[in-house]
Amino acid sequence: MAAAIMLLVSCHAARSGGFSVSVNLLGYAWLGTLNAEASYAFDRNWTVNAGAEYNPWTFNASDRSRQFQSRQLSYSAGVRFWPWHVYSGWWISGKAIYQEYNMGGIISRRTEEGDSAGAVFSAGYTHMLGKHFNIEFGAGFWTGVKWYTVYSCPSCGRTLDSGVKAFILPRDISISFSYVF
């Protein structure tokens, strides 16, 4: 009986403001990385999220001495806890992420490509701008494992290093706009 009541309360909470879609403006500012995240409120204080990031761009490809890129394809899924109410106020989150990447020529001529997987732990604040629009600020850390190859330049193909390595990096630094349905 208690489980049925909790399920009924959860379903009612999810119907009001149950879905949102957001985009991270800082992601777009980082060399045009396309991104989107969708979330569903399954309780007054919990949402489940799924997102993707995609950057296919290579800059200065015609001049190989100045070529640079931060290409990637990432998928993520996780949960977010809202102490006050979903889509409003402070939050903390955790998610799993998988990424294929090719980054190089930005700071030095070295280029690294590979795959990485791990977990992201982040926190932030969501400010309601209106009934359906929010702005979010957040930051977190990503820890996991990467399978990589390092090349001496973005286009030459000379291998300098390869292997498997654990990492901890900043991740999900965001200023996002959300639409709440």
N, C-alpha and C. Protein backbone atom coordinates (compact mmCIF):
# COMPACT_ATOMS: atom_id res chain seq x y z
N MET A 1 0.83 -1.19 0.00
CA MET A 1 0.00 0.00 0.00
C MET A 1 0.87 1.26 0.00
N ALA A 2 1.90 1.29 0.86
CA ALA A 2 2.79 2.44 0.94
C ALA A 2 3.52 2.65 -0.38
N ALA A 3 3.94 1.55 -1.03
CA ALA A 3 4.63 1.66 -2.32
C ALA A 3 3.71 2.24 -3.38
N ALA A 4 2.43 1.85 -3.37
CA ALA A 4 1.47 2.38 -4.34
C ALA A 4 1.25 3.87 -4.15
N ILE A 5 1.20 4.33 -2.90
CA ILE A 5 1.03 5.75 -2.61
C ILE A 5 2.25 6.54 -3.06
N MET A 6 3.45 6.00 -2.79
CA MET A 6 4.67 6.68 -3.22
C MET A 6 4.74 6.77 -4.75
N LEU A 7 4.34 5.71 -5.44
CA LEU A 7 4.33 5.73 -6.91
C LEU A 7 3.36 6.77 -7.43
N LEU A 8 2.18 6.86 -6.82
CA LEU A 8 1.18 7.84 -7.23
C LEU A 8 1.68 9.26 -7.01
N VAL A 9 2.32 9.53 -5.87
CA VAL A 9 2.86 10.86 -5.58
C VAL A 9 3.98 11.19 -6.56
N SER A 10 4.84 10.23 -6.86
CA SER A 10 5.94 10.45 -7.80
C SER A 10 5.41 10.77 -9.19
N CYS A 11 4.40 10.05 -9.64
CA CYS A 11 3.83 10.30 -10.98
C CYS A 11 3.21 11.68 -11.05
N HIS A 12 2.52 12.10 -9.96
CA HIS A 12 1.92 13.43 -9.95
C HIS A 12 2.99 14.52 -9.99
N ALA A 13 4.08 14.35 -9.24
CA ALA A 13 5.16 15.34 -9.22
C ALA A 13 5.82 15.43 -10.58
N ALA A 14 5.94 14.32 -11.28
CA ALA A 14 6.61 14.31 -12.57
C ALA A 14 5.79 14.99 -13.65
N ARG A 15 4.44 15.01 -13.49
CA ARG A 15 3.63 15.62 -14.54
C ARG A 15 3.76 17.13 -14.60
N SER A 16 4.02 17.79 -13.49
CA SER A 16 4.16 19.24 -13.52
C SER A 16 5.64 19.58 -13.73
N GLY A 17 5.97 20.10 -14.90
CA GLY A 17 7.36 20.43 -15.22
C GLY A 17 8.21 19.19 -15.33
N GLY A 18 7.71 18.16 -15.98
CA GLY A 18 8.37 16.87 -16.01
C GLY A 18 9.54 16.75 -16.95
N PHE A 19 9.60 17.53 -18.01
CA PHE A 19 10.67 17.42 -18.99
C PHE A 19 11.38 18.76 -19.17
N SER A 20 12.66 18.69 -19.52
CA SER A 20 13.38 19.91 -19.91
C SER A 20 14.41 19.54 -20.97
N VAL A 21 14.76 20.52 -21.77
CA VAL A 21 15.81 20.41 -22.78
C VAL A 21 16.72 21.60 -22.58
N SER A 22 18.04 21.35 -22.60
CA SER A 22 18.97 22.46 -22.38
C SER A 22 20.16 22.38 -23.32
N VAL A 23 20.79 23.54 -23.53
CA VAL A 23 22.02 23.64 -24.31
C VAL A 23 23.03 24.45 -23.51
N ASN A 24 24.30 24.04 -23.58
CA ASN A 24 25.37 24.71 -22.86
C ASN A 24 26.02 25.73 -23.80
N LEU A 25 25.88 26.99 -23.49
CA LEU A 25 26.44 28.05 -24.34
C LEU A 25 27.96 28.02 -24.35
N LEU A 26 28.59 27.66 -23.23
CA LEU A 26 30.05 27.57 -23.21
C LEU A 26 30.54 26.45 -24.11
N GLY A 27 29.76 25.40 -24.26
CA GLY A 27 30.11 24.32 -25.19
C GLY A 27 30.15 24.83 -26.63
N TYR A 28 29.17 25.63 -27.00
CA TYR A 28 29.16 26.21 -28.35
C TYR A 28 30.34 27.16 -28.53
N ALA A 29 30.71 27.86 -27.46
CA ALA A 29 31.83 28.79 -27.55
C ALA A 29 33.17 28.06 -27.69
N TRP A 30 33.27 26.80 -27.24
CA TRP A 30 34.50 26.04 -27.38
C TRP A 30 34.54 25.41 -28.77
N LEU A 31 34.98 26.17 -29.74
CA LEU A 31 35.19 25.74 -31.12
C LEU A 31 33.94 25.11 -31.74
N GLY A 32 32.77 25.61 -31.35
CA GLY A 32 31.53 25.20 -31.99
C GLY A 32 31.02 23.82 -31.62
N THR A 33 31.27 23.38 -30.39
CA THR A 33 30.80 22.06 -29.97
C THR A 33 29.28 22.07 -29.80
N LEU A 34 28.59 21.32 -30.66
CA LEU A 34 27.14 21.21 -30.59
C LEU A 34 26.79 20.33 -29.39
N ASN A 35 25.76 20.69 -28.64
CA ASN A 35 25.41 19.92 -27.46
C ASN A 35 23.94 20.09 -27.10
N ALA A 36 23.39 19.10 -26.43
CA ALA A 36 22.02 19.16 -25.93
C ALA A 36 21.88 18.13 -24.81
N GLU A 37 20.99 18.44 -23.88
CA GLU A 37 20.70 17.51 -22.80
C GLU A 37 19.21 17.53 -22.54
N ALA A 38 18.63 16.36 -22.33
CA ALA A 38 17.22 16.24 -21.99
C ALA A 38 17.13 15.64 -20.60
N SER A 39 16.12 16.07 -19.84
CA SER A 39 15.94 15.51 -18.50
C SER A 39 14.47 15.27 -18.23
N TYR A 40 14.22 14.35 -17.34
CA TYR A 40 12.87 13.98 -16.93
C TYR A 40 12.82 13.94 -15.41
N ALA A 41 11.85 14.64 -14.83
CA ALA A 41 11.66 14.64 -13.37
C ALA A 41 10.80 13.45 -12.98
N PHE A 42 11.39 12.51 -12.25
CA PHE A 42 10.62 11.36 -11.81
C PHE A 42 10.22 11.48 -10.34
N ASP A 43 10.61 12.59 -9.72
CA ASP A 43 10.27 12.86 -8.33
C ASP A 43 10.41 14.36 -8.11
N ARG A 44 9.95 14.86 -6.98
CA ARG A 44 10.04 16.29 -6.67
C ARG A 44 11.48 16.77 -6.62
N ASN A 45 12.42 15.88 -6.25
CA ASN A 45 13.81 16.27 -6.06
C ASN A 45 14.79 15.57 -7.00
N TRP A 46 14.34 14.75 -7.91
CA TRP A 46 15.24 13.97 -8.76
C TRP A 46 14.89 14.07 -10.23
N THR A 47 15.92 14.19 -11.05
CA THR A 47 15.75 14.10 -12.50
C THR A 47 16.75 13.09 -13.04
N VAL A 48 16.39 12.48 -14.16
CA VAL A 48 17.30 11.61 -14.90
C VAL A 48 17.64 12.36 -16.18
N ASN A 49 18.93 12.36 -16.58
CA ASN A 49 19.39 13.18 -17.69
C ASN A 49 20.12 12.32 -18.73
N ALA A 50 20.02 12.73 -19.98
CA ALA A 50 20.80 12.11 -21.06
C ALA A 50 21.24 13.24 -21.99
N GLY A 51 22.49 13.18 -22.44
CA GLY A 51 23.00 14.26 -23.29
C GLY A 51 23.99 13.76 -24.32
N ALA A 52 24.29 14.66 -25.25
CA ALA A 52 25.27 14.36 -26.30
C ALA A 52 26.00 15.64 -26.67
N GLU A 53 27.26 15.48 -27.08
CA GLU A 53 28.08 16.58 -27.60
C GLU A 53 28.73 16.11 -28.88
N TYR A 54 28.84 17.03 -29.84
CA TYR A 54 29.41 16.67 -31.13
C TYR A 54 30.17 17.87 -31.69
N ASN A 55 31.43 17.64 -32.06
CA ASN A 55 32.24 18.68 -32.70
C ASN A 55 32.98 18.05 -33.87
N PRO A 56 32.55 18.31 -35.11
CA PRO A 56 33.19 17.72 -36.29
C PRO A 56 34.21 18.63 -36.96
N TRP A 57 34.48 19.81 -36.41
CA TRP A 57 35.21 20.85 -37.11
C TRP A 57 36.73 20.69 -37.00
N THR A 58 37.39 20.93 -38.14
CA THR A 58 38.84 21.07 -38.20
C THR A 58 39.11 22.46 -38.75
N PHE A 59 39.89 23.25 -38.04
CA PHE A 59 40.16 24.63 -38.44
C PHE A 59 41.52 24.73 -39.13
N ASN A 60 41.59 25.59 -40.13
CA ASN A 60 42.80 25.80 -40.94
C ASN A 60 43.28 24.49 -41.58
N ALA A 61 42.37 23.68 -42.03
CA ALA A 61 42.72 22.38 -42.63
C ALA A 61 43.54 22.54 -43.90
N SER A 62 43.38 23.67 -44.61
CA SER A 62 44.14 23.88 -45.84
C SER A 62 45.61 24.22 -45.58
N ASP A 63 45.93 24.71 -44.39
CA ASP A 63 47.31 25.02 -44.01
C ASP A 63 47.71 24.10 -42.86
N ARG A 64 48.31 22.96 -43.18
CA ARG A 64 48.60 21.94 -42.18
C ARG A 64 49.53 22.41 -41.07
N SER A 65 50.30 23.45 -41.28
CA SER A 65 51.18 23.95 -40.22
C SER A 65 50.40 24.73 -39.16
N ARG A 66 49.17 25.14 -39.48
CA ARG A 66 48.35 25.89 -38.53
C ARG A 66 47.05 25.17 -38.18
N GLN A 67 46.87 23.94 -38.62
CA GLN A 67 45.64 23.18 -38.38
C GLN A 67 45.44 22.92 -36.89
N PHE A 68 44.19 23.03 -36.41
CA PHE A 68 43.85 22.67 -35.04
C PHE A 68 42.41 22.17 -34.99
N GLN A 69 42.13 21.35 -33.97
CA GLN A 69 40.79 20.81 -33.81
C GLN A 69 40.57 20.36 -32.37
N SER A 70 39.30 20.27 -32.03
CA SER A 70 38.86 19.67 -30.77
C SER A 70 37.63 18.83 -31.09
N ARG A 71 37.81 17.87 -31.98
CA ARG A 71 36.69 17.05 -32.44
C ARG A 71 36.33 16.04 -31.35
N GLN A 72 35.02 15.79 -31.24
CA GLN A 72 34.56 14.82 -30.26
C GLN A 72 33.14 14.37 -30.55
N LEU A 73 32.82 13.22 -29.99
CA LEU A 73 31.46 12.70 -29.95
C LEU A 73 31.31 12.08 -28.57
N SER A 74 30.41 12.64 -27.75
CA SER A 74 30.23 12.20 -26.36
C SER A 74 28.78 11.87 -26.10
N TYR A 75 28.58 10.85 -25.26
CA TYR A 75 27.25 10.46 -24.79
C TYR A 75 27.31 10.38 -23.28
N SER A 76 26.23 10.83 -22.61
CA SER A 76 26.20 10.77 -21.15
C SER A 76 24.79 10.45 -20.66
N ALA A 77 24.72 9.86 -19.48
CA ALA A 77 23.44 9.58 -18.81
C ALA A 77 23.69 9.61 -17.31
N GLY A 78 22.74 10.20 -16.58
CA GLY A 78 22.93 10.29 -15.14
C GLY A 78 21.71 10.79 -14.41
N VAL A 79 21.91 11.14 -13.15
CA VAL A 79 20.83 11.66 -12.31
C VAL A 79 21.27 12.97 -11.67
N ARG A 80 20.28 13.76 -11.30
CA ARG A 80 20.53 15.03 -10.64
C ARG A 80 19.60 15.15 -9.43
N PHE A 81 20.17 15.55 -8.29
CA PHE A 81 19.38 15.76 -7.07
C PHE A 81 19.22 17.26 -6.83
N TRP A 82 17.97 17.66 -6.60
CA TRP A 82 17.60 19.05 -6.35
C TRP A 82 17.07 19.15 -4.93
N PRO A 83 17.79 19.73 -3.97
CA PRO A 83 17.32 19.79 -2.58
C PRO A 83 15.99 20.54 -2.42
N TRP A 84 15.74 21.56 -3.21
CA TRP A 84 14.53 22.35 -3.07
C TRP A 84 13.40 21.80 -3.93
N HIS A 85 13.57 21.84 -5.25
CA HIS A 85 12.55 21.40 -6.20
C HIS A 85 13.23 21.25 -7.55
N VAL A 86 12.77 20.31 -8.38
CA VAL A 86 13.40 20.11 -9.68
C VAL A 86 13.34 21.39 -10.51
N TYR A 87 14.39 21.63 -11.27
CA TYR A 87 14.52 22.76 -12.18
C TYR A 87 14.53 24.12 -11.48
N SER A 88 14.94 24.15 -10.19
CA SER A 88 14.99 25.40 -9.46
C SER A 88 15.99 25.29 -8.30
N GLY A 89 16.94 26.22 -8.24
CA GLY A 89 17.86 26.26 -7.12
C GLY A 89 19.10 25.41 -7.31
N TRP A 90 19.73 25.04 -6.18
CA TRP A 90 20.97 24.28 -6.19
C TRP A 90 20.72 22.84 -6.59
N TRP A 91 21.76 22.19 -7.14
CA TRP A 91 21.68 20.78 -7.51
C TRP A 91 23.07 20.14 -7.46
N ILE A 92 23.08 18.81 -7.32
CA ILE A 92 24.30 18.01 -7.47
C ILE A 92 23.96 16.87 -8.42
N SER A 93 24.96 16.39 -9.15
CA SER A 93 24.66 15.33 -10.12
C SER A 93 25.83 14.38 -10.29
N GLY A 94 25.49 13.23 -10.82
CA GLY A 94 26.47 12.24 -11.20
C GLY A 94 26.03 11.62 -12.51
N LYS A 95 26.99 11.33 -13.38
CA LYS A 95 26.63 10.70 -14.65
C LYS A 95 27.79 9.90 -15.20
N ALA A 96 27.44 8.95 -16.04
CA ALA A 96 28.43 8.16 -16.77
C ALA A 96 28.60 8.81 -18.14
N ILE A 97 29.83 8.76 -18.68
CA ILE A 97 30.10 9.40 -19.96
C ILE A 97 31.06 8.54 -20.78
N TYR A 98 30.82 8.55 -22.09
CA TYR A 98 31.72 7.90 -23.05
C TYR A 98 32.04 8.93 -24.13
N GLN A 99 33.31 9.01 -24.55
CA GLN A 99 33.71 10.03 -25.53
C GLN A 99 34.75 9.46 -26.49
N GLU A 100 34.57 9.78 -27.78
CA GLU A 100 35.60 9.59 -28.80
C GLU A 100 36.13 10.98 -29.10
N TYR A 101 37.45 11.14 -29.18
CA TYR A 101 37.98 12.50 -29.33
C TYR A 101 39.22 12.52 -30.22
N ASN A 102 39.51 13.71 -30.74
CA ASN A 102 40.73 14.02 -31.49
C ASN A 102 41.00 15.50 -31.24
N MET A 103 42.03 15.78 -30.46
CA MET A 103 42.31 17.16 -30.07
C MET A 103 43.77 17.48 -30.29
N GLY A 104 44.04 18.59 -30.96
CA GLY A 104 45.42 18.97 -31.15
C GLY A 104 45.61 20.24 -31.94
N GLY A 105 46.86 20.72 -31.90
CA GLY A 105 47.21 21.93 -32.62
C GLY A 105 46.78 23.21 -31.95
N ILE A 106 46.17 23.12 -30.76
CA ILE A 106 45.66 24.32 -30.10
C ILE A 106 46.77 25.02 -29.32
N ILE A 107 47.41 24.32 -28.39
CA ILE A 107 48.50 24.90 -27.60
C ILE A 107 49.85 24.51 -28.20
N SER A 108 49.97 23.26 -28.61
CA SER A 108 51.20 22.79 -29.26
C SER A 108 50.80 21.99 -30.50
N ARG A 109 51.76 21.56 -31.26
CA ARG A 109 51.48 20.80 -32.48
C ARG A 109 51.06 19.36 -32.17
N ARG A 110 51.30 18.90 -30.95
CA ARG A 110 50.93 17.54 -30.58
C ARG A 110 49.42 17.34 -30.65
N THR A 111 49.02 16.16 -31.08
CA THR A 111 47.61 15.81 -31.21
C THR A 111 47.37 14.49 -30.50
N GLU A 112 46.27 14.42 -29.79
CA GLU A 112 45.89 13.18 -29.10
C GLU A 112 44.51 12.76 -29.57
N GLU A 113 44.36 11.47 -29.84
CA GLU A 113 43.05 10.95 -30.18
C GLU A 113 42.83 9.64 -29.45
N GLY A 114 41.56 9.31 -29.24
CA GLY A 114 41.25 8.06 -28.57
C GLY A 114 39.83 8.03 -28.06
N ASP A 115 39.62 7.17 -27.07
CA ASP A 115 38.33 6.98 -26.42
C ASP A 115 38.53 7.16 -24.93
N SER A 116 37.50 7.66 -24.25
CA SER A 116 37.56 7.79 -22.81
C SER A 116 36.19 7.49 -22.23
N ALA A 117 36.19 6.97 -21.01
CA ALA A 117 34.95 6.63 -20.31
C ALA A 117 35.16 6.86 -18.84
N GLY A 118 34.09 7.26 -18.16
CA GLY A 118 34.21 7.50 -16.74
C GLY A 118 32.95 8.08 -16.14
N ALA A 119 33.12 8.73 -14.99
CA ALA A 119 32.01 9.32 -14.25
C ALA A 119 32.28 10.80 -14.01
N VAL A 120 31.23 11.59 -14.09
CA VAL A 120 31.31 13.03 -13.84
C VAL A 120 30.48 13.35 -12.59
N PHE A 121 31.08 14.11 -11.68
CA PHE A 121 30.38 14.58 -10.49
C PHE A 121 30.39 16.10 -10.56
N SER A 122 29.21 16.72 -10.51
CA SER A 122 29.14 18.17 -10.66
C SER A 122 28.07 18.76 -9.75
N ALA A 123 28.09 20.08 -9.67
CA ALA A 123 27.13 20.83 -8.87
C ALA A 123 26.87 22.16 -9.56
N GLY A 124 25.75 22.78 -9.21
CA GLY A 124 25.44 24.06 -9.82
C GLY A 124 24.19 24.68 -9.26
N TYR A 125 23.76 25.72 -9.95
CA TYR A 125 22.58 26.48 -9.55
C TYR A 125 21.74 26.79 -10.78
N THR A 126 20.43 26.63 -10.66
CA THR A 126 19.49 26.95 -11.73
C THR A 126 18.61 28.10 -11.29
N HIS A 127 18.56 29.14 -12.11
CA HIS A 127 17.73 30.31 -11.84
C HIS A 127 16.56 30.33 -12.82
N MET A 128 15.36 30.43 -12.28
CA MET A 128 14.18 30.47 -13.13
C MET A 128 14.02 31.87 -13.73
N LEU A 129 13.99 31.93 -15.06
CA LEU A 129 13.79 33.20 -15.74
C LEU A 129 12.30 33.47 -16.01
N GLY A 130 11.53 32.43 -16.08
CA GLY A 130 10.10 32.51 -16.35
C GLY A 130 9.48 31.14 -16.14
N LYS A 131 8.24 30.99 -16.57
CA LYS A 131 7.54 29.72 -16.37
C LYS A 131 8.24 28.56 -17.07
N HIS A 132 8.80 28.81 -18.25
CA HIS A 132 9.40 27.74 -19.04
C HIS A 132 10.91 27.88 -19.26
N PHE A 133 11.51 29.03 -18.94
CA PHE A 133 12.92 29.24 -19.24
C PHE A 133 13.76 29.36 -17.98
N ASN A 134 14.91 28.68 -17.99
CA ASN A 134 15.86 28.72 -16.88
C ASN A 134 17.26 28.99 -17.42
N ILE A 135 18.12 29.51 -16.55
CA ILE A 135 19.54 29.61 -16.85
C ILE A 135 20.27 28.83 -15.74
N GLU A 136 21.24 28.00 -16.16
CA GLU A 136 21.97 27.15 -15.22
C GLU A 136 23.45 27.49 -15.24
N PHE A 137 24.08 27.41 -14.07
CA PHE A 137 25.52 27.57 -13.93
C PHE A 137 26.03 26.33 -13.22
N GLY A 138 27.09 25.71 -13.74
CA GLY A 138 27.58 24.51 -13.10
C GLY A 138 29.02 24.20 -13.44
N ALA A 139 29.62 23.29 -12.66
CA ALA A 139 30.98 22.82 -12.90
C ALA A 139 31.16 21.49 -12.20
N GLY A 140 32.12 20.70 -12.71
CA GLY A 140 32.34 19.40 -12.10
C GLY A 140 33.69 18.81 -12.47
N PHE A 141 33.89 17.57 -12.05
CA PHE A 141 35.11 16.83 -12.34
C PHE A 141 34.76 15.50 -12.99
N TRP A 142 35.60 15.11 -13.94
CA TRP A 142 35.44 13.87 -14.67
C TRP A 142 36.61 12.97 -14.33
N THR A 143 36.33 11.75 -13.91
CA THR A 143 37.38 10.79 -13.65
C THR A 143 37.08 9.51 -14.42
N GLY A 144 38.13 8.91 -14.95
CA GLY A 144 37.92 7.71 -15.73
C GLY A 144 39.20 7.18 -16.34
N VAL A 145 39.05 6.49 -17.46
CA VAL A 145 40.16 5.86 -18.17
C VAL A 145 40.10 6.29 -19.63
N LYS A 146 41.28 6.51 -20.22
CA LYS A 146 41.33 6.83 -21.65
C LYS A 146 42.29 5.88 -22.35
N TRP A 147 41.92 5.52 -23.58
CA TRP A 147 42.74 4.73 -24.48
C TRP A 147 43.16 5.69 -25.57
N TYR A 148 44.44 6.00 -25.69
CA TYR A 148 44.86 7.14 -26.49
C TYR A 148 46.07 6.82 -27.36
N THR A 149 46.26 7.69 -28.36
CA THR A 149 47.47 7.73 -29.18
C THR A 149 47.84 9.19 -29.35
N VAL A 150 49.12 9.52 -29.16
CA VAL A 150 49.61 10.89 -29.32
C VAL A 150 50.45 10.95 -30.58
N TYR A 151 50.17 11.97 -31.41
CA TYR A 151 50.90 12.20 -32.66
C TYR A 151 51.71 13.48 -32.54
N SER A 152 52.76 13.61 -33.34
CA SER A 152 53.63 14.79 -33.25
C SER A 152 52.98 16.05 -33.83
N CYS A 153 52.00 15.90 -34.72
CA CYS A 153 51.28 17.05 -35.26
C CYS A 153 49.88 16.62 -35.70
N PRO A 154 48.97 17.57 -35.94
CA PRO A 154 47.60 17.21 -36.29
C PRO A 154 47.43 16.41 -37.58
N SER A 155 48.39 16.51 -38.50
CA SER A 155 48.18 15.85 -39.79
C SER A 155 49.29 14.91 -40.23
N CYS A 156 50.41 14.83 -39.51
CA CYS A 156 51.55 14.05 -40.01
C CYS A 156 51.46 12.56 -39.72
N GLY A 157 50.80 12.14 -38.65
CA GLY A 157 50.62 10.73 -38.38
C GLY A 157 51.79 10.04 -37.70
N ARG A 158 52.84 10.76 -37.28
CA ARG A 158 53.97 10.14 -36.58
C ARG A 158 53.60 9.94 -35.11
N THR A 159 53.58 8.68 -34.65
CA THR A 159 53.15 8.32 -33.30
C THR A 159 54.27 8.60 -32.29
N LEU A 160 53.91 9.32 -31.21
CA LEU A 160 54.84 9.59 -30.12
C LEU A 160 54.59 8.70 -28.91
N ASP A 161 53.32 8.38 -28.65
CA ASP A 161 52.97 7.62 -27.46
C ASP A 161 51.58 7.02 -27.65
N SER A 162 51.31 5.92 -26.96
CA SER A 162 49.97 5.35 -26.94
C SER A 162 49.84 4.50 -25.69
N GLY A 163 48.60 4.25 -25.30
CA GLY A 163 48.39 3.43 -24.12
C GLY A 163 47.05 3.64 -23.48
N VAL A 164 46.97 3.25 -22.21
CA VAL A 164 45.77 3.40 -21.39
C VAL A 164 46.19 4.15 -20.13
N LYS A 165 45.39 5.14 -19.76
CA LYS A 165 45.77 5.99 -18.63
C LYS A 165 44.51 6.45 -17.87
N ALA A 166 44.60 6.51 -16.56
CA ALA A 166 43.54 7.07 -15.73
C ALA A 166 43.69 8.60 -15.69
N PHE A 167 42.58 9.30 -15.47
CA PHE A 167 42.63 10.77 -15.46
C PHE A 167 41.58 11.35 -14.53
N ILE A 168 41.80 12.60 -14.14
CA ILE A 168 40.81 13.45 -13.46
C ILE A 168 40.92 14.81 -14.13
N LEU A 169 39.80 15.30 -14.68
CA LEU A 169 39.78 16.56 -15.42
C LEU A 169 38.56 17.39 -15.03
N PRO A 170 38.62 18.71 -15.19
CA PRO A 170 37.41 19.51 -15.04
C PRO A 170 36.44 19.16 -16.18
N ARG A 171 35.15 19.23 -15.91
CA ARG A 171 34.16 18.88 -16.92
C ARG A 171 32.85 19.56 -16.58
N ASP A 172 32.00 19.71 -17.55
CA ASP A 172 30.66 20.29 -17.39
C ASP A 172 30.70 21.70 -16.82
N ILE A 173 31.68 22.47 -17.22
CA ILE A 173 31.70 23.89 -16.89
C ILE A 173 30.67 24.51 -17.82
N SER A 174 29.60 25.03 -17.24
CA SER A 174 28.47 25.37 -18.10
C SER A 174 27.75 26.64 -17.69
N ILE A 175 27.26 27.31 -18.71
CA ILE A 175 26.21 28.32 -18.61
C ILE A 175 25.18 27.86 -19.62
N SER A 176 24.09 27.30 -19.14
CA SER A 176 23.12 26.64 -20.00
C SER A 176 21.77 27.35 -19.95
N PHE A 177 21.06 27.30 -21.07
CA PHE A 177 19.67 27.72 -21.13
C PHE A 177 18.81 26.49 -21.24
N SER A 178 17.72 26.46 -20.45
CA SER A 178 16.83 25.31 -20.43
C SER A 178 15.42 25.75 -20.75
N TYR A 179 14.71 24.86 -21.44
CA TYR A 179 13.28 25.03 -21.65
C TYR A 179 12.58 23.91 -20.89
N VAL A 180 11.69 24.27 -19.96
CA VAL A 180 10.97 23.29 -19.15
C VAL A 180 9.55 23.17 -19.71
N PHE A 181 9.16 21.95 -20.06
CA PHE A 181 7.84 21.71 -20.63
C PHE A 181 6.79 21.61 -19.54
